[in-house]
Amino acid sequence: MSPPGRFHRILRRGISQHKPDFLQIASAARRNNDAPACFVTIPGVYRLLQALLSALRAALFAFWRAARQLWHEVIGVFFGLFALLGAVSAWRHWQRGSELYVLAVSLAFFLVMAGFAVASFRSARRVR
């Protein structure tokens, strides 16, 4: 435990309560002419800035993670819609009896877009 210093002298002389608040400490310091120019020290400001930066970093990390997961999910939905369009196109070409290469292109488009949709949703689940 640290030896009593200037702050403890201020408390002993001017305050009778067990847990004083900041205004009582400041008024006791003014009455005793022991008031320092500022109650905040440079190391205290440094620790405060470190704490604020740490909190900001944690908040930004959480926001970035949520935004990234949402991005993957939205992209997955768009790829799913494109795959649905490809499947509808392939079905129509099958029903009409179109050329085989047109049907093959529609099926290939469907498979690629469906694969991208599945991969995007899997990436959204793995965001850490």
C-alpha atoms as a PDB file:
ATOM      1  CA  MET A   1       0.000   0.000   0.000  1.00  0.00           C
ATOM      2  CA  SER A   2       1.303   3.424  -0.861  1.00  0.00           C
ATOM      3  CA  PRO A   3       2.102   5.937   1.876  1.00  0.00           C
ATOM      4  CA  PRO A   4      -0.398   8.720   2.340  1.00  0.00           C
ATOM      5  CA  GLY A   5       0.346  11.622   0.046  1.00  0.00           C
ATOM      6  CA  ARG A   6      -1.138  14.959  -0.829  1.00  0.00           C
ATOM      7  CA  PHE A   7      -4.465  13.455  -1.864  1.00  0.00           C
ATOM      8  CA  HIS A   8      -4.893  11.673   1.476  1.00  0.00           C
ATOM      9  CA  ARG A   9      -4.018  14.874   3.399  1.00  0.00           C
ATOM     10  CA  ILE A  10      -6.755  16.689   1.480  1.00  0.00           C
ATOM     11  CA  LEU A  11      -9.248  13.998   2.358  1.00  0.00           C
ATOM     12  CA  ARG A  12      -8.328  13.940   6.056  1.00  0.00           C
ATOM     13  CA  ARG A  13      -8.555  17.689   6.553  1.00  0.00           C
ATOM     14  CA  GLY A  14     -11.725  18.544   4.721  1.00  0.00           C
ATOM     15  CA  ILE A  15     -14.020  15.538   4.368  1.00  0.00           C
ATOM     16  CA  SER A  16     -15.732  13.507   7.021  1.00  0.00           C
ATOM     17  CA  GLN A  17     -17.629  10.990   4.881  1.00  0.00           C
ATOM     18  CA  HIS A  18     -16.279   7.524   4.158  1.00  0.00           C
ATOM     19  CA  LYS A  19     -16.563   7.642   0.343  1.00  0.00           C
ATOM     20  CA  PRO A  20     -16.456  11.244  -0.867  1.00  0.00           C
ATOM     21  CA  ASP A  21     -17.315  12.274  -4.399  1.00  0.00           C
ATOM     22  CA  PHE A  22     -15.211  14.431  -6.693  1.00  0.00           C
ATOM     23  CA  LEU A  23     -16.909  17.723  -5.764  1.00  0.00           C
ATOM     24  CA  GLN A  24     -16.255  17.178  -2.056  1.00  0.00           C
ATOM     25  CA  ILE A  25     -12.591  16.427  -2.757  1.00  0.00           C
ATOM     26  CA  ALA A  26     -12.228  19.537  -4.911  1.00  0.00           C
ATOM     27  CA  SER A  27     -13.946  21.813  -2.402  1.00  0.00           C
ATOM     28  CA  ALA A  28     -11.822  20.442   0.460  1.00  0.00           C
ATOM     29  CA  ALA A  29      -8.691  21.016  -1.599  1.00  0.00           C
ATOM     30  CA  ARG A  30      -9.732  24.620  -2.293  1.00  0.00           C
ATOM     31  CA  ARG A  31     -10.469  25.296   1.390  1.00  0.00           C
ATOM     32  CA  ASN A  32      -7.054  23.973   2.417  1.00  0.00           C
ATOM     33  CA  ASN A  33      -5.162  25.729  -0.406  1.00  0.00           C
ATOM     34  CA  ASP A  34      -3.888  22.314  -1.479  1.00  0.00           C
ATOM     35  CA  ALA A  35      -5.657  22.307  -4.814  1.00  0.00           C
ATOM     36  CA  PRO A  36      -3.394  21.134  -7.608  1.00  0.00           C
ATOM     37  CA  ALA A  37      -3.721  22.826 -10.966  1.00  0.00           C
ATOM     38  CA  CYS A  38      -5.365  19.720 -12.408  1.00  0.00           C
ATOM     39  CA  PHE A  39      -6.622  16.490 -10.861  1.00  0.00           C
ATOM     40  CA  VAL A  40      -5.796  14.539 -14.039  1.00  0.00           C
ATOM     41  CA  THR A  41      -2.192  13.480 -14.501  1.00  0.00           C
ATOM     42  CA  ILE A  42      -0.423  12.730 -17.778  1.00  0.00           C
ATOM     43  CA  PRO A  43      -0.113   8.971 -17.053  1.00  0.00           C
ATOM     44  CA  GLY A  44      -3.833   8.962 -16.260  1.00  0.00           C
ATOM     45  CA  VAL A  45      -4.621  10.547 -19.610  1.00  0.00           C
ATOM     46  CA  TYR A  46      -2.347   8.029 -21.320  1.00  0.00           C
ATOM     47  CA  ARG A  47      -4.159   5.120 -19.651  1.00  0.00           C
ATOM     48  CA  LEU A  48      -7.503   6.662 -20.572  1.00  0.00           C
ATOM     49  CA  LEU A  49      -6.460   6.963 -24.213  1.00  0.00           C
ATOM     50  CA  GLN A  50      -5.203   3.388 -24.182  1.00  0.00           C
ATOM     51  CA  ALA A  51      -8.533   2.205 -22.773  1.00  0.00           C
ATOM     52  CA  LEU A  52     -10.505   4.229 -25.311  1.00  0.00           C
ATOM     53  CA  LEU A  53      -8.423   2.896 -28.198  1.00  0.00           C
ATOM     54  CA  SER A  54      -8.819  -0.641 -26.913  1.00  0.00           C
ATOM     55  CA  ALA A  55     -12.595  -0.198 -26.664  1.00  0.00           C
ATOM     56  CA  LEU A  56     -12.713   1.348 -30.134  1.00  0.00           C
ATOM     57  CA  ARG A  57     -10.683  -1.536 -31.554  1.00  0.00           C
ATOM     58  CA  ALA A  58     -13.019  -4.091 -29.957  1.00  0.00           C
ATOM     59  CA  ALA A  59     -16.124  -2.272 -31.209  1.00  0.00           C
ATOM     60  CA  LEU A  60     -14.740  -1.949 -34.733  1.00  0.00           C
ATOM     61  CA  PHE A  61     -13.767  -5.623 -34.756  1.00  0.00           C
ATOM     62  CA  ALA A  62     -17.297  -6.637 -33.741  1.00  0.00           C
ATOM     63  CA  PHE A  63     -18.809  -4.298 -36.339  1.00  0.00           C
ATOM     64  CA  TRP A  64     -16.442  -5.554 -39.056  1.00  0.00           C
ATOM     65  CA  ARG A  65     -17.276  -9.170 -38.247  1.00  0.00           C
ATOM     66  CA  ALA A  66     -21.028  -8.536 -38.442  1.00  0.00           C
ATOM     67  CA  ALA A  67     -20.681  -6.506 -41.650  1.00  0.00           C
ATOM     68  CA  ARG A  68     -18.529  -9.193 -43.254  1.00  0.00           C
ATOM     69  CA  GLN A  69     -20.973 -11.938 -42.329  1.00  0.00           C
ATOM     70  CA  LEU A  70     -23.876  -9.878 -43.669  1.00  0.00           C
ATOM     71  CA  TRP A  71     -21.925  -9.249 -46.893  1.00  0.00           C
ATOM     72  CA  HIS A  72     -21.421 -12.975 -47.454  1.00  0.00           C
ATOM     73  CA  GLU A  73     -25.082 -13.690 -46.801  1.00  0.00           C
ATOM     74  CA  VAL A  74     -26.316 -10.972 -49.178  1.00  0.00           C
ATOM     75  CA  ILE A  75     -23.939 -12.137 -51.911  1.00  0.00           C
ATOM     76  CA  GLY A  76     -25.139 -15.706 -51.312  1.00  0.00           C
ATOM     77  CA  VAL A  77     -28.747 -14.603 -51.812  1.00  0.00           C
ATOM     78  CA  PHE A  78     -27.869 -12.871 -55.100  1.00  0.00           C
ATOM     79  CA  PHE A  79     -25.985 -15.925 -56.348  1.00  0.00           C
ATOM     80  CA  GLY A  80     -28.979 -18.053 -55.333  1.00  0.00           C
ATOM     81  CA  LEU A  81     -31.292 -15.820 -57.337  1.00  0.00           C
ATOM     82  CA  PHE A  82     -28.996 -16.040 -60.355  1.00  0.00           C
ATOM     83  CA  ALA A  83     -28.908 -19.834 -59.969  1.00  0.00           C
ATOM     84  CA  LEU A  84     -32.705 -19.848 -59.863  1.00  0.00           C
ATOM     85  CA  LEU A  85     -32.803 -17.849 -63.101  1.00  0.00           C
ATOM     86  CA  GLY A  86     -30.383 -20.316 -64.685  1.00  0.00           C
ATOM     87  CA  ALA A  87     -32.520 -23.270 -63.565  1.00  0.00           C
ATOM     88  CA  VAL A  88     -35.688 -21.674 -64.971  1.00  0.00           C
ATOM     89  CA  SER A  89     -33.882 -20.966 -68.237  1.00  0.00           C
ATOM     90  CA  ALA A  90     -32.614 -24.558 -68.448  1.00  0.00           C
ATOM     91  CA  TRP A  91     -36.126 -25.888 -67.758  1.00  0.00           C
ATOM     92  CA  ARG A  92     -37.624 -23.717 -70.491  1.00  0.00           C
ATOM     93  CA  HIS A  93     -34.978 -24.821 -72.981  1.00  0.00           C
ATOM     94  CA  TRP A  94     -35.633 -28.445 -72.044  1.00  0.00           C
ATOM     95  CA  GLN A  95     -39.407 -28.021 -72.522  1.00  0.00           C
ATOM     96  CA  ARG A  96     -39.021 -26.269 -75.888  1.00  0.00           C
ATOM     97  CA  GLY A  97     -36.537 -28.761 -77.216  1.00  0.00           C
ATOM     98  CA  SER A  98     -33.851 -26.155 -77.918  1.00  0.00           C
ATOM     99  CA  GLU A  99     -30.372 -26.960 -79.109  1.00  0.00           C
ATOM    100  CA  LEU A 100     -28.309 -29.059 -76.730  1.00  0.00           C
ATOM    101  CA  TYR A 101     -25.548 -26.469 -76.320  1.00  0.00           C
ATOM    102  CA  VAL A 102     -28.081 -23.827 -75.155  1.00  0.00           C
ATOM    103  CA  LEU A 103     -29.369 -26.245 -72.532  1.00  0.00           C
ATOM    104  CA  ALA A 104     -25.791 -27.093 -71.519  1.00  0.00           C
ATOM    105  CA  VAL A 105     -24.887 -23.398 -71.088  1.00  0.00           C
ATOM    106  CA  SER A 106     -27.994 -22.817 -68.947  1.00  0.00           C
ATOM    107  CA  LEU A 107     -27.214 -25.865 -66.788  1.00  0.00           C
ATOM    108  CA  ALA A 108     -23.570 -24.828 -66.446  1.00  0.00           C
ATOM    109  CA  PHE A 109     -24.659 -21.319 -65.387  1.00  0.00           C
ATOM    110  CA  PHE A 110     -27.049 -22.827 -62.855  1.00  0.00           C
ATOM    111  CA  LEU A 111     -24.386 -25.110 -61.383  1.00  0.00           C
ATOM    112  CA  VAL A 112     -21.745 -22.364 -61.128  1.00  0.00           C
ATOM    113  CA  MET A 113     -24.133 -19.866 -59.490  1.00  0.00           C
ATOM    114  CA  ALA A 114     -25.490 -22.511 -57.103  1.00  0.00           C
ATOM    115  CA  GLY A 115     -21.926 -23.433 -56.144  1.00  0.00           C
ATOM    116  CA  PHE A 116     -21.075 -19.776 -55.509  1.00  0.00           C
ATOM    117  CA  ALA A 117     -24.221 -19.386 -53.382  1.00  0.00           C
ATOM    118  CA  VAL A 118     -23.368 -22.407 -51.237  1.00  0.00           C
ATOM    119  CA  ALA A 119     -19.734 -21.281 -50.884  1.00  0.00           C
ATOM    120  CA  SER A 120     -20.825 -17.778 -49.884  1.00  0.00           C
ATOM    121  CA  PHE A 121     -23.178 -19.047 -47.174  1.00  0.00           C
ATOM    122  CA  ARG A 122     -20.475 -21.369 -45.872  1.00  0.00           C
ATOM    123  CA  SER A 123     -18.079 -18.422 -45.726  1.00  0.00           C
ATOM    124  CA  ALA A 124     -20.680 -16.450 -43.759  1.00  0.00           C
ATOM    125  CA  ARG A 125     -20.826 -19.217 -41.148  1.00  0.00           C
ATOM    126  CA  ARG A 126     -17.031 -19.323 -40.822  1.00  0.00           C
ATOM    127  CA  VAL A 127     -16.497 -15.593 -40.234  1.00  0.00           C
ATOM    128  CA  ARG A 128     -14.554 -15.220 -37.003  1.00  0.00           C
END
